[in-house]
N, C-alpha and C. Protein backbone atom coordinates (compact mmCIF):
# COMPACT_ATOMS: atom_id res chain seq x y z
N MET A 1 82.01 183.42 290.73
CA MET A 1 82.96 184.35 290.15
C MET A 1 83.17 184.01 288.67
N GLU A 2 83.08 185.01 287.83
CA GLU A 2 83.22 184.80 286.38
C GLU A 2 84.70 184.80 286.01
N THR A 3 85.07 183.83 285.16
CA THR A 3 86.46 183.71 284.78
C THR A 3 86.80 184.48 283.51
N GLY A 4 85.80 185.02 282.84
CA GLY A 4 86.06 185.81 281.64
C GLY A 4 86.39 184.95 280.44
N ASN A 5 85.75 183.81 280.31
CA ASN A 5 85.97 182.95 279.15
C ASN A 5 85.31 183.53 277.92
N LYS A 6 85.89 184.57 277.40
CA LYS A 6 85.35 185.24 276.23
C LYS A 6 85.97 184.60 274.98
N SER A 7 85.14 184.37 273.98
CA SER A 7 85.62 183.75 272.75
C SER A 7 86.63 184.66 272.06
N LYS A 8 87.69 184.05 271.54
CA LYS A 8 88.69 184.82 270.79
C LYS A 8 88.31 184.94 269.33
N ASP A 9 87.26 184.25 268.93
CA ASP A 9 86.79 184.29 267.54
C ASP A 9 86.05 185.60 267.31
N PRO A 10 86.54 186.46 266.38
CA PRO A 10 85.86 187.74 266.13
C PRO A 10 84.47 187.58 265.54
N LEU A 11 84.14 186.38 265.05
CA LEU A 11 82.81 186.15 264.47
C LEU A 11 81.84 185.59 265.50
N HIS A 12 82.31 185.31 266.70
CA HIS A 12 81.45 184.73 267.73
C HIS A 12 80.26 185.65 268.03
N GLY A 13 79.06 185.12 267.87
CA GLY A 13 77.86 185.87 268.19
C GLY A 13 77.40 186.83 267.10
N ILE A 14 78.07 186.83 265.95
CA ILE A 14 77.69 187.73 264.86
C ILE A 14 77.04 186.91 263.75
N THR A 15 75.85 187.30 263.35
CA THR A 15 75.14 186.57 262.31
C THR A 15 75.71 186.90 260.93
N LEU A 16 75.50 185.98 260.00
CA LEU A 16 75.93 186.21 258.63
C LEU A 16 75.25 187.45 258.06
N GLU A 17 73.99 187.65 258.41
CA GLU A 17 73.27 188.84 257.93
C GLU A 17 73.93 190.12 258.43
N LYS A 18 74.37 190.12 259.69
CA LYS A 18 75.03 191.31 260.23
C LYS A 18 76.38 191.55 259.53
N ILE A 19 77.09 190.47 259.23
CA ILE A 19 78.37 190.58 258.53
C ILE A 19 78.15 191.24 257.16
N ILE A 20 77.21 190.71 256.40
CA ILE A 20 76.94 191.25 255.06
C ILE A 20 76.49 192.70 255.15
N THR A 21 75.58 192.99 256.07
CA THR A 21 75.06 194.35 256.23
C THR A 21 76.19 195.33 256.55
N GLN A 22 77.06 194.95 257.47
CA GLN A 22 78.18 195.84 257.83
C GLN A 22 79.13 196.04 256.65
N LEU A 23 79.39 194.98 255.91
CA LEU A 23 80.28 195.10 254.76
C LEU A 23 79.67 196.00 253.69
N VAL A 24 78.38 195.84 253.43
CA VAL A 24 77.71 196.68 252.42
C VAL A 24 77.68 198.14 252.88
N ASP A 25 77.40 198.37 254.17
CA ASP A 25 77.39 199.74 254.70
C ASP A 25 78.76 200.40 254.59
N SER A 26 79.81 199.61 254.77
CA SER A 26 81.16 200.16 254.75
C SER A 26 81.77 200.26 253.36
N TYR A 27 81.47 199.29 252.51
CA TYR A 27 82.11 199.23 251.20
C TYR A 27 81.18 199.51 250.02
N GLY A 28 79.89 199.20 250.18
CA GLY A 28 78.96 199.29 249.06
C GLY A 28 79.06 198.02 248.21
N TRP A 29 78.00 197.75 247.44
CA TRP A 29 77.96 196.52 246.64
C TRP A 29 79.06 196.47 245.58
N ASP A 30 79.32 197.61 244.91
CA ASP A 30 80.32 197.62 243.84
C ASP A 30 81.71 197.25 244.35
N GLU A 31 82.13 197.89 245.43
CA GLU A 31 83.45 197.61 245.99
C GLU A 31 83.52 196.20 246.57
N LEU A 32 82.42 195.78 247.19
CA LEU A 32 82.38 194.42 247.75
C LEU A 32 82.52 193.38 246.64
N GLY A 33 81.83 193.60 245.53
CA GLY A 33 81.93 192.70 244.38
C GLY A 33 83.33 192.69 243.78
N TYR A 34 84.01 193.84 243.86
CA TYR A 34 85.38 193.92 243.35
C TYR A 34 86.35 193.19 244.30
N GLN A 35 86.17 193.40 245.60
CA GLN A 35 87.07 192.81 246.59
C GLN A 35 86.86 191.30 246.75
N ILE A 36 85.60 190.88 246.73
CA ILE A 36 85.26 189.46 246.89
C ILE A 36 84.52 189.05 245.63
N ARG A 37 85.23 188.39 244.71
CA ARG A 37 84.69 188.10 243.38
C ARG A 37 83.71 186.93 243.41
N ILE A 38 82.52 187.18 243.96
CA ILE A 38 81.46 186.17 243.91
C ILE A 38 80.20 186.83 243.36
N ASN A 39 79.48 186.09 242.55
CA ASN A 39 78.36 186.63 241.79
C ASN A 39 77.26 187.27 242.65
N CYS A 40 77.03 186.75 243.85
CA CYS A 40 75.95 187.31 244.66
C CYS A 40 76.22 188.76 245.05
N PHE A 41 77.47 189.22 244.92
CA PHE A 41 77.80 190.63 245.19
C PHE A 41 77.89 191.45 243.92
N ILE A 42 77.88 190.80 242.77
CA ILE A 42 78.09 191.49 241.50
C ILE A 42 76.80 191.61 240.68
N SER A 43 76.09 190.51 240.54
CA SER A 43 74.91 190.47 239.69
C SER A 43 73.62 190.64 240.50
N ASN A 44 73.00 191.82 240.39
CA ASN A 44 71.76 192.13 241.10
C ASN A 44 71.83 191.79 242.59
N PRO A 45 72.78 192.38 243.33
CA PRO A 45 73.00 192.00 244.72
C PRO A 45 71.90 192.47 245.67
N SER A 46 71.64 191.66 246.67
CA SER A 46 70.76 192.03 247.79
C SER A 46 71.20 191.24 249.00
N ILE A 47 70.81 191.70 250.16
CA ILE A 47 71.15 191.00 251.40
C ILE A 47 70.57 189.58 251.35
N GLN A 48 69.28 189.47 250.99
CA GLN A 48 68.61 188.16 250.99
C GLN A 48 69.23 187.18 250.00
N SER A 49 69.52 187.62 248.79
CA SER A 49 70.10 186.70 247.81
C SER A 49 71.52 186.30 248.23
N SER A 50 72.25 187.21 248.84
CA SER A 50 73.60 186.90 249.31
C SER A 50 73.55 185.89 250.45
N LEU A 51 72.61 186.09 251.38
CA LEU A 51 72.45 185.15 252.49
C LEU A 51 72.14 183.75 251.97
N LYS A 52 71.21 183.67 251.04
CA LYS A 52 70.80 182.38 250.48
C LYS A 52 71.99 181.67 249.84
N PHE A 53 72.76 182.40 249.05
CA PHE A 53 73.92 181.81 248.37
C PHE A 53 75.00 181.40 249.38
N LEU A 54 75.34 182.30 250.29
CA LEU A 54 76.45 182.04 251.21
C LEU A 54 76.15 180.92 252.19
N ARG A 55 74.87 180.76 252.55
CA ARG A 55 74.51 179.69 253.49
C ARG A 55 74.67 178.30 252.87
N LYS A 56 74.59 178.21 251.55
CA LYS A 56 74.73 176.90 250.92
C LYS A 56 76.05 176.73 250.16
N THR A 57 76.96 177.71 250.28
CA THR A 57 78.23 177.66 249.57
C THR A 57 79.38 177.95 250.54
N PRO A 58 79.88 176.89 251.19
CA PRO A 58 80.89 177.09 252.25
C PRO A 58 82.15 177.85 251.81
N TRP A 59 82.67 177.60 250.61
CA TRP A 59 83.90 178.29 250.18
C TRP A 59 83.67 179.79 250.06
N ALA A 60 82.48 180.18 249.60
CA ALA A 60 82.18 181.61 249.45
C ALA A 60 81.98 182.26 250.81
N ARG A 61 81.32 181.54 251.71
CA ARG A 61 81.10 182.07 253.06
C ARG A 61 82.44 182.29 253.76
N THR A 62 83.36 181.36 253.58
CA THR A 62 84.69 181.50 254.18
C THR A 62 85.39 182.74 253.64
N LYS A 63 85.29 183.00 252.34
CA LYS A 63 85.89 184.20 251.75
C LYS A 63 85.32 185.47 252.40
N VAL A 64 83.99 185.50 252.55
CA VAL A 64 83.34 186.67 253.13
C VAL A 64 83.74 186.84 254.59
N GLU A 65 83.75 185.75 255.35
CA GLU A 65 84.12 185.83 256.77
C GLU A 65 85.57 186.27 256.94
N ASP A 66 86.47 185.76 256.09
CA ASP A 66 87.88 186.16 256.16
C ASP A 66 88.04 187.65 255.82
N PHE A 67 87.32 188.10 254.80
CA PHE A 67 87.37 189.51 254.41
C PHE A 67 86.86 190.38 255.57
N TYR A 68 85.78 189.94 256.20
CA TYR A 68 85.19 190.66 257.34
C TYR A 68 86.20 190.76 258.50
N LYS A 69 86.85 189.64 258.82
CA LYS A 69 87.83 189.65 259.92
C LYS A 69 88.98 190.60 259.61
N ASN A 70 89.45 190.59 258.37
CA ASN A 70 90.53 191.52 257.98
C ASN A 70 90.07 192.97 258.08
N ALA A 71 88.85 193.24 257.62
CA ALA A 71 88.31 194.61 257.69
C ALA A 71 88.18 195.06 259.14
N LEU A 72 87.78 194.14 260.02
CA LEU A 72 87.69 194.46 261.46
C LEU A 72 89.06 194.84 262.01
N GLN A 73 90.05 194.01 261.71
CA GLN A 73 91.41 194.24 262.21
C GLN A 73 91.98 195.57 261.70
N GLU A 74 91.63 195.92 260.47
CA GLU A 74 92.15 197.16 259.88
C GLU A 74 91.29 198.37 260.21
N GLY A 75 90.20 198.16 260.95
CA GLY A 75 89.34 199.26 261.35
C GLY A 75 88.57 199.89 260.19
N LYS A 76 88.24 199.09 259.19
CA LYS A 76 87.58 199.62 258.00
C LYS A 76 86.06 199.48 258.02
N LEU A 77 85.49 199.01 259.10
CA LEU A 77 84.04 198.85 259.17
C LEU A 77 83.40 200.00 259.92
N LYS A 78 82.22 200.41 259.43
CA LYS A 78 81.49 201.51 260.06
C LYS A 78 80.81 201.01 261.32
């Protein structure tokens, strides 16, 4: 019998690539760069360059993940 031990973490099972893709689809690069002031979203942005930067920069990744969680709660993601 399954006890339903479902993770309460909204990021559980979601890749960083999926997070960035959903944010870009919902906000676009310009708005994302305005909302989250990190260069990988402002200067010549791409999914790949953002992934590379965020994977090696924990403070920036935390900003993106927090923004994503807030957007989820507010129903702002496509």
